[in-house]
Amino acid sequence: MSNAILHSSQYQNYRRIDLIVIHCSATRTTQRYTVDDCRRDHRARGFADIGYHYYITRDGVVHAGRPLYTVGAHATGYNQHSIGICYEGGLDIRGRPSDTRTSEQKETLQKLLERLKEDYPDARVVGHRDLPGVKKDCPCYNACVYAHV
């Protein structure tokens, strides 16, 4: 899928959305982890499909995951009213949490969030790690900096 989804609204009025949750794939900078890899791994864990609504690869391409009208499987307790976005990466070469986003990923994420905020203006942007009860460094940067989007 191309980045065309960044330019046209896919507004779905089927669910109340009050959160946009950002995740990382928790993969090392030296490890390729495509949307197909993520989809395969999620299905192996018993999910019907990839748990995220969007997946951003290192080259900055945003890939559609679950349709927005479908409940995601990315943040236990919050899936019913959220949109899940995951970016490829999040760990440095040694496997430590680190902001490994490429400039292309940062730009794509910013544009995607701007578009989603047009459709869901009341939704708060948070990192998975910012949700109560989550004990992981995902994403590996402060996602709340996008709160002004």
N, C-alpha and C. Protein backbone atom coordinates (compact mmCIF):
# COMPACT_ATOMS: atom_id res chain seq x y z
N MET A 1 0.86 -1.18 0.00
CA MET A 1 0.00 0.00 0.00
C MET A 1 0.89 1.23 0.00
N SER A 2 0.48 2.23 -0.71
CA SER A 2 1.27 3.46 -0.78
C SER A 2 0.82 4.44 0.29
N ASN A 3 1.47 5.57 0.31
CA ASN A 3 1.11 6.60 1.27
C ASN A 3 -0.11 7.40 0.83
N ALA A 4 -0.84 6.92 -0.17
CA ALA A 4 -2.05 7.60 -0.63
C ALA A 4 -3.06 7.73 0.50
N ILE A 5 -3.03 6.83 1.47
CA ILE A 5 -4.00 6.92 2.56
C ILE A 5 -3.75 8.15 3.43
N LEU A 6 -2.59 8.76 3.29
CA LEU A 6 -2.32 9.98 4.04
C LEU A 6 -3.06 11.18 3.45
N HIS A 7 -3.48 11.07 2.21
CA HIS A 7 -4.03 12.21 1.51
C HIS A 7 -5.54 12.20 1.36
N SER A 8 -6.17 11.11 1.70
CA SER A 8 -7.62 11.06 1.58
C SER A 8 -8.20 10.54 2.88
N SER A 9 -9.23 11.18 3.32
CA SER A 9 -9.86 10.80 4.57
C SER A 9 -10.52 9.43 4.43
N GLN A 10 -10.35 8.61 5.45
CA GLN A 10 -11.02 7.32 5.50
C GLN A 10 -11.95 7.32 6.71
N TYR A 11 -12.56 8.44 6.97
CA TYR A 11 -13.39 8.60 8.15
C TYR A 11 -14.41 7.47 8.25
N GLN A 12 -14.41 6.84 9.39
CA GLN A 12 -15.38 5.78 9.67
C GLN A 12 -16.13 6.20 10.93
N ASN A 13 -17.40 6.23 10.85
CA ASN A 13 -18.21 6.70 11.96
C ASN A 13 -18.81 5.53 12.74
N TYR A 14 -18.17 4.37 12.71
CA TYR A 14 -18.73 3.19 13.35
C TYR A 14 -18.34 3.05 14.81
N ARG A 15 -17.22 3.61 15.19
CA ARG A 15 -16.75 3.46 16.57
C ARG A 15 -16.42 4.83 17.15
N ARG A 16 -16.59 4.96 18.45
CA ARG A 16 -16.14 6.16 19.16
C ARG A 16 -14.64 6.01 19.37
N ILE A 17 -13.88 6.96 18.86
CA ILE A 17 -12.42 6.92 18.99
C ILE A 17 -11.98 8.08 19.87
N ASP A 18 -11.35 7.78 21.01
CA ASP A 18 -10.82 8.85 21.85
C ASP A 18 -9.32 8.72 22.11
N LEU A 19 -8.70 7.67 21.53
CA LEU A 19 -7.27 7.49 21.68
C LEU A 19 -6.64 7.06 20.35
N ILE A 20 -5.47 7.58 20.09
CA ILE A 20 -4.62 7.09 19.01
C ILE A 20 -3.35 6.63 19.71
N VAL A 21 -3.10 5.32 19.67
CA VAL A 21 -2.01 4.72 20.44
C VAL A 21 -0.86 4.36 19.51
N ILE A 22 0.32 4.87 19.83
CA ILE A 22 1.51 4.62 19.03
C ILE A 22 2.34 3.51 19.68
N HIS A 23 2.79 2.59 18.84
CA HIS A 23 3.58 1.44 19.26
C HIS A 23 4.85 1.37 18.42
N CYS A 24 5.82 0.58 18.90
CA CYS A 24 6.96 0.20 18.07
C CYS A 24 6.93 -1.32 17.95
N SER A 25 7.59 -1.84 16.93
CA SER A 25 7.60 -3.29 16.75
C SER A 25 8.60 -3.99 17.68
N ALA A 26 9.39 -3.21 18.41
CA ALA A 26 10.41 -3.74 19.33
C ALA A 26 11.39 -4.64 18.60
N THR A 27 11.86 -4.15 17.46
CA THR A 27 12.87 -4.87 16.68
C THR A 27 14.11 -4.00 16.56
N ARG A 28 15.24 -4.64 16.44
CA ARG A 28 16.53 -3.95 16.36
C ARG A 28 16.69 -3.22 15.03
N THR A 29 17.52 -2.20 15.05
CA THR A 29 17.78 -1.43 13.83
C THR A 29 18.38 -2.30 12.73
N THR A 30 18.99 -3.40 13.09
CA THR A 30 19.60 -4.29 12.11
C THR A 30 18.63 -5.35 11.61
N GLN A 31 17.43 -5.37 12.16
CA GLN A 31 16.44 -6.41 11.82
C GLN A 31 15.32 -5.83 10.97
N ARG A 32 15.09 -6.39 9.83
CA ARG A 32 13.96 -6.01 8.98
C ARG A 32 12.72 -6.69 9.55
N TYR A 33 11.63 -5.96 9.67
CA TYR A 33 10.38 -6.52 10.20
C TYR A 33 9.24 -5.87 9.42
N THR A 34 8.83 -6.53 8.36
CA THR A 34 7.84 -5.98 7.45
C THR A 34 6.43 -6.09 8.03
N VAL A 35 5.50 -5.45 7.37
CA VAL A 35 4.10 -5.56 7.77
C VAL A 35 3.65 -7.01 7.64
N ASP A 36 4.14 -7.73 6.65
CA ASP A 36 3.79 -9.15 6.51
C ASP A 36 4.35 -9.98 7.66
N ASP A 37 5.55 -9.65 8.13
CA ASP A 37 6.12 -10.33 9.29
C ASP A 37 5.24 -10.10 10.52
N CYS A 38 4.84 -8.85 10.72
CA CYS A 38 4.00 -8.51 11.86
C CYS A 38 2.66 -9.23 11.77
N ARG A 39 2.07 -9.21 10.59
CA ARG A 39 0.78 -9.89 10.38
C ARG A 39 0.91 -11.39 10.69
N ARG A 40 1.96 -12.01 10.19
CA ARG A 40 2.20 -13.44 10.43
C ARG A 40 2.34 -13.72 11.92
N ASP A 41 3.14 -12.90 12.61
CA ASP A 41 3.37 -13.11 14.04
C ASP A 41 2.09 -12.91 14.86
N HIS A 42 1.29 -11.92 14.49
CA HIS A 42 0.04 -11.70 15.20
C HIS A 42 -0.92 -12.86 14.99
N ARG A 43 -1.00 -13.36 13.77
CA ARG A 43 -1.87 -14.53 13.50
C ARG A 43 -1.38 -15.75 14.27
N ALA A 44 -0.07 -15.92 14.39
CA ALA A 44 0.49 -17.04 15.14
C ALA A 44 0.13 -16.95 16.62
N ARG A 45 -0.11 -15.73 17.10
CA ARG A 45 -0.52 -15.52 18.49
C ARG A 45 -2.03 -15.67 18.68
N GLY A 46 -2.73 -15.98 17.58
CA GLY A 46 -4.17 -16.20 17.67
C GLY A 46 -5.03 -15.02 17.27
N PHE A 47 -4.42 -13.93 16.82
CA PHE A 47 -5.19 -12.77 16.35
C PHE A 47 -5.80 -13.11 14.99
N ALA A 48 -6.91 -12.48 14.68
CA ALA A 48 -7.56 -12.67 13.38
C ALA A 48 -6.71 -12.07 12.26
N ASP A 49 -5.96 -11.03 12.58
CA ASP A 49 -5.13 -10.32 11.61
C ASP A 49 -4.13 -9.48 12.39
N ILE A 50 -3.37 -8.67 11.69
CA ILE A 50 -2.47 -7.73 12.36
C ILE A 50 -3.30 -6.91 13.36
N GLY A 51 -2.74 -6.63 14.51
CA GLY A 51 -3.49 -5.94 15.54
C GLY A 51 -3.60 -4.44 15.36
N TYR A 52 -2.75 -3.87 14.51
CA TYR A 52 -2.70 -2.42 14.32
C TYR A 52 -3.54 -1.99 13.13
N HIS A 53 -3.93 -0.74 13.14
CA HIS A 53 -4.65 -0.17 12.00
C HIS A 53 -3.68 0.33 10.94
N TYR A 54 -2.48 0.74 11.39
CA TYR A 54 -1.45 1.23 10.48
C TYR A 54 -0.09 0.72 10.93
N TYR A 55 0.78 0.47 9.96
CA TYR A 55 2.14 0.03 10.24
C TYR A 55 3.08 0.82 9.33
N ILE A 56 4.08 1.47 9.94
CA ILE A 56 5.00 2.32 9.19
C ILE A 56 6.38 1.67 9.16
N THR A 57 6.82 1.31 7.95
CA THR A 57 8.13 0.68 7.78
C THR A 57 9.23 1.75 7.76
N ARG A 58 10.46 1.30 7.87
CA ARG A 58 11.60 2.22 7.97
C ARG A 58 11.72 3.18 6.80
N ASP A 59 11.21 2.77 5.63
CA ASP A 59 11.28 3.64 4.46
C ASP A 59 10.19 4.71 4.47
N GLY A 60 9.37 4.74 5.53
CA GLY A 60 8.34 5.76 5.67
C GLY A 60 7.03 5.42 5.00
N VAL A 61 6.90 4.21 4.49
CA VAL A 61 5.65 3.81 3.85
C VAL A 61 4.68 3.36 4.94
N VAL A 62 3.46 3.88 4.86
CA VAL A 62 2.43 3.47 5.81
C VAL A 62 1.59 2.39 5.14
N HIS A 63 1.42 1.30 5.86
CA HIS A 63 0.67 0.14 5.37
C HIS A 63 -0.63 0.03 6.17
N ALA A 64 -1.72 -0.20 5.47
CA ALA A 64 -3.00 -0.38 6.14
C ALA A 64 -3.01 -1.73 6.84
N GLY A 65 -3.49 -1.74 8.05
CA GLY A 65 -3.69 -2.98 8.80
C GLY A 65 -5.18 -3.25 8.86
N ARG A 66 -5.71 -3.31 10.05
CA ARG A 66 -7.15 -3.50 10.20
C ARG A 66 -7.88 -2.25 9.74
N PRO A 67 -9.05 -2.42 9.15
CA PRO A 67 -9.84 -1.23 8.80
C PRO A 67 -10.20 -0.45 10.07
N LEU A 68 -10.34 0.86 9.94
CA LEU A 68 -10.63 1.69 11.11
C LEU A 68 -11.93 1.32 11.80
N TYR A 69 -12.89 0.78 11.07
CA TYR A 69 -14.16 0.41 11.69
C TYR A 69 -14.06 -0.89 12.48
N THR A 70 -12.89 -1.57 12.39
CA THR A 70 -12.67 -2.82 13.10
C THR A 70 -11.88 -2.55 14.37
N VAL A 71 -12.27 -3.18 15.46
CA VAL A 71 -11.54 -3.05 16.72
C VAL A 71 -10.16 -3.66 16.55
N GLY A 72 -9.14 -2.95 17.01
CA GLY A 72 -7.77 -3.43 16.92
C GLY A 72 -7.46 -4.44 18.01
N ALA A 73 -6.23 -4.92 18.00
CA ALA A 73 -5.72 -5.83 19.03
C ALA A 73 -4.30 -5.37 19.35
N HIS A 74 -4.22 -4.21 19.99
CA HIS A 74 -2.91 -3.59 20.21
C HIS A 74 -2.72 -3.04 21.61
N ALA A 75 -3.80 -2.81 22.34
CA ALA A 75 -3.69 -2.22 23.68
C ALA A 75 -4.84 -2.75 24.54
N THR A 76 -4.57 -3.82 25.26
CA THR A 76 -5.60 -4.47 26.07
C THR A 76 -6.33 -3.45 26.95
N GLY A 77 -7.64 -3.50 26.88
CA GLY A 77 -8.48 -2.61 27.66
C GLY A 77 -8.81 -1.29 26.96
N TYR A 78 -8.15 -1.02 25.84
CA TYR A 78 -8.34 0.25 25.13
C TYR A 78 -8.70 0.05 23.66
N ASN A 79 -8.73 -1.17 23.20
CA ASN A 79 -8.94 -1.44 21.78
C ASN A 79 -10.29 -0.96 21.25
N GLN A 80 -11.32 -1.05 22.06
CA GLN A 80 -12.66 -0.69 21.60
C GLN A 80 -12.76 0.75 21.13
N HIS A 81 -11.96 1.63 21.71
CA HIS A 81 -12.11 3.07 21.42
C HIS A 81 -10.79 3.72 20.98
N SER A 82 -9.95 2.94 20.31
CA SER A 82 -8.67 3.50 19.89
C SER A 82 -8.28 3.05 18.49
N ILE A 83 -7.29 3.76 17.96
CA ILE A 83 -6.64 3.42 16.71
C ILE A 83 -5.20 3.09 17.05
N GLY A 84 -4.68 2.00 16.52
CA GLY A 84 -3.31 1.58 16.79
C GLY A 84 -2.40 1.81 15.60
N ILE A 85 -1.28 2.48 15.87
CA ILE A 85 -0.26 2.73 14.86
C ILE A 85 1.05 2.14 15.38
N CYS A 86 1.73 1.37 14.54
CA CYS A 86 3.01 0.79 14.92
C CYS A 86 4.07 1.20 13.91
N TYR A 87 5.26 1.51 14.40
CA TYR A 87 6.38 1.75 13.49
C TYR A 87 7.41 0.65 13.66
N GLU A 88 8.07 0.31 12.57
CA GLU A 88 9.11 -0.71 12.56
C GLU A 88 10.33 -0.19 13.32
N GLY A 89 10.80 -0.94 14.30
CA GLY A 89 11.98 -0.56 15.06
C GLY A 89 11.70 -0.40 16.54
N GLY A 90 12.54 0.38 17.19
CA GLY A 90 12.36 0.66 18.61
C GLY A 90 13.48 0.15 19.49
N LEU A 91 14.38 -0.68 18.94
CA LEU A 91 15.52 -1.17 19.72
C LEU A 91 16.81 -0.85 18.98
N ASP A 92 17.83 -0.50 19.76
CA ASP A 92 19.12 -0.22 19.13
C ASP A 92 19.80 -1.54 18.74
N ILE A 93 21.02 -1.45 18.28
CA ILE A 93 21.74 -2.63 17.78
C ILE A 93 21.94 -3.69 18.87
N ARG A 94 21.96 -3.26 20.13
CA ARG A 94 22.16 -4.19 21.26
C ARG A 94 20.84 -4.67 21.85
N GLY A 95 19.73 -4.21 21.31
CA GLY A 95 18.43 -4.65 21.81
C GLY A 95 17.87 -3.80 22.93
N ARG A 96 18.42 -2.62 23.12
CA ARG A 96 17.93 -1.71 24.16
C ARG A 96 16.90 -0.75 23.56
N PRO A 97 15.87 -0.38 24.34
CA PRO A 97 14.88 0.58 23.84
C PRO A 97 15.56 1.87 23.41
N SER A 98 15.20 2.33 22.21
CA SER A 98 15.81 3.53 21.65
C SER A 98 14.90 4.08 20.56
N ASP A 99 14.92 5.39 20.40
CA ASP A 99 14.15 6.01 19.32
C ASP A 99 14.90 5.80 18.02
N THR A 100 14.53 4.76 17.30
CA THR A 100 15.22 4.39 16.07
C THR A 100 14.46 4.85 14.82
N ARG A 101 13.44 5.67 14.99
CA ARG A 101 12.65 6.10 13.83
C ARG A 101 13.53 6.84 12.83
N THR A 102 13.33 6.52 11.57
CA THR A 102 14.02 7.23 10.50
C THR A 102 13.32 8.57 10.27
N SER A 103 13.99 9.46 9.57
CA SER A 103 13.34 10.73 9.24
C SER A 103 12.08 10.48 8.42
N GLU A 104 12.10 9.46 7.57
CA GLU A 104 10.92 9.13 6.76
C GLU A 104 9.77 8.66 7.66
N GLN A 105 10.07 7.86 8.67
CA GLN A 105 9.03 7.41 9.58
C GLN A 105 8.45 8.58 10.38
N LYS A 106 9.30 9.47 10.83
CA LYS A 106 8.83 10.63 11.60
C LYS A 106 7.90 11.48 10.75
N GLU A 107 8.29 11.73 9.51
CA GLU A 107 7.47 12.55 8.62
C GLU A 107 6.13 11.88 8.33
N THR A 108 6.16 10.60 8.03
CA THR A 108 4.93 9.86 7.74
C THR A 108 4.02 9.82 8.95
N LEU A 109 4.58 9.56 10.12
CA LEU A 109 3.78 9.51 11.34
C LEU A 109 3.10 10.85 11.59
N GLN A 110 3.84 11.93 11.42
CA GLN A 110 3.27 13.27 11.62
C GLN A 110 2.09 13.50 10.68
N LYS A 111 2.26 13.17 9.40
CA LYS A 111 1.19 13.36 8.42
C LYS A 111 -0.01 12.48 8.73
N LEU A 112 0.25 11.23 9.10
CA LEU A 112 -0.85 10.32 9.44
C LEU A 112 -1.62 10.82 10.64
N LEU A 113 -0.91 11.29 11.66
CA LEU A 113 -1.59 11.82 12.85
C LEU A 113 -2.41 13.07 12.52
N GLU A 114 -1.87 13.92 11.69
CA GLU A 114 -2.62 15.12 11.30
C GLU A 114 -3.92 14.74 10.60
N ARG A 115 -3.85 13.75 9.70
CA ARG A 115 -5.04 13.32 8.99
C ARG A 115 -6.05 12.66 9.94
N LEU A 116 -5.56 11.81 10.84
CA LEU A 116 -6.46 11.15 11.78
C LEU A 116 -7.11 12.15 12.73
N LYS A 117 -6.37 13.18 13.11
CA LYS A 117 -6.94 14.19 14.01
C LYS A 117 -8.01 15.02 13.31
N GLU A 118 -7.94 15.12 11.99
CA GLU A 118 -9.03 15.78 11.26
C GLU A 118 -10.32 14.97 11.39
N ASP A 119 -10.20 13.67 11.30
CA ASP A 119 -11.36 12.78 11.40
C ASP A 119 -11.80 12.54 12.84
N TYR A 120 -10.85 12.56 13.76
CA TYR A 120 -11.13 12.28 15.17
C TYR A 120 -10.51 13.39 16.02
N PRO A 121 -11.08 14.59 15.96
CA PRO A 121 -10.44 15.75 16.62
C PRO A 121 -10.33 15.63 18.13
N ASP A 122 -11.16 14.83 18.76
CA ASP A 122 -11.12 14.71 20.22
C ASP A 122 -10.20 13.60 20.70
N ALA A 123 -9.61 12.86 19.79
CA ALA A 123 -8.75 11.75 20.17
C ALA A 123 -7.41 12.26 20.71
N ARG A 124 -6.96 11.68 21.81
CA ARG A 124 -5.65 11.99 22.38
C ARG A 124 -4.61 11.04 21.78
N VAL A 125 -3.43 11.57 21.50
CA VAL A 125 -2.32 10.77 21.00
C VAL A 125 -1.46 10.37 22.19
N VAL A 126 -1.27 9.05 22.37
CA VAL A 126 -0.47 8.54 23.48
C VAL A 126 0.41 7.41 22.99
N GLY A 127 1.45 7.16 23.74
CA GLY A 127 2.27 5.98 23.49
C GLY A 127 1.69 4.82 24.25
N HIS A 128 1.90 3.62 23.78
CA HIS A 128 1.43 2.43 24.48
C HIS A 128 1.92 2.44 25.93
N ARG A 129 3.17 2.86 26.12
CA ARG A 129 3.76 2.89 27.46
C ARG A 129 3.07 3.87 28.40
N ASP A 130 2.30 4.82 27.85
CA ASP A 130 1.63 5.82 28.66
C ASP A 130 0.29 5.35 29.21
N LEU A 131 -0.17 4.19 28.77
CA LEU A 131 -1.45 3.68 29.25
C LEU A 131 -1.25 3.02 30.61
N PRO A 132 -2.20 3.22 31.53
CA PRO A 132 -2.08 2.61 32.86
C PRO A 132 -1.91 1.09 32.78
N GLY A 133 -0.98 0.58 33.55
CA GLY A 133 -0.74 -0.85 33.63
C GLY A 133 0.26 -1.40 32.62
N VAL A 134 0.68 -0.58 31.66
CA VAL A 134 1.64 -1.06 30.65
C VAL A 134 3.05 -0.93 31.23
N LYS A 135 3.81 -2.00 31.18
CA LYS A 135 5.15 -2.01 31.75
C LYS A 135 6.18 -2.33 30.67
N LYS A 136 6.20 -1.53 29.63
CA LYS A 136 7.20 -1.69 28.57
C LYS A 136 7.52 -0.33 27.99
N ASP A 137 8.65 -0.23 27.34
CA ASP A 137 9.09 1.03 26.74
C ASP A 137 8.64 1.10 25.28
N CYS A 138 7.36 1.09 25.08
CA CYS A 138 6.81 1.10 23.72
C CYS A 138 5.83 2.27 23.60
N PRO A 139 6.05 3.19 22.73
CA PRO A 139 7.21 3.30 21.85
C PRO A 139 8.41 3.80 22.63
N CYS A 140 9.54 3.84 22.00
CA CYS A 140 10.79 4.18 22.68
C CYS A 140 11.12 5.66 22.59
N TYR A 141 10.08 6.48 22.68
CA TYR A 141 10.22 7.94 22.73
C TYR A 141 8.91 8.47 23.31
N ASN A 142 8.87 9.75 23.60
CA ASN A 142 7.69 10.36 24.20
C ASN A 142 6.67 10.67 23.12
N ALA A 143 5.70 9.80 22.94
CA ALA A 143 4.68 9.98 21.89
C ALA A 143 3.74 11.13 22.21
N CYS A 144 3.69 11.56 23.44
CA CYS A 144 2.78 12.65 23.80
C CYS A 144 3.20 13.98 23.18
N VAL A 145 4.39 14.04 22.58
CA VAL A 145 4.79 15.28 21.89
C VAL A 145 3.87 15.55 20.70
N TYR A 146 3.16 14.53 20.26
CA TYR A 146 2.21 14.70 19.16
C TYR A 146 0.84 15.13 19.66
N ALA A 147 0.70 15.34 20.93
CA ALA A 147 -0.60 15.68 21.50
C ALA A 147 -1.18 16.96 20.89
N HIS A 148 -0.33 17.85 20.41
CA HIS A 148 -0.79 19.12 19.83
C HIS A 148 -1.25 18.98 18.39
N VAL A 149 -1.04 17.81 17.81
CA VAL A 149 -1.41 17.61 16.39
C VAL A 149 -2.90 17.78 16.24
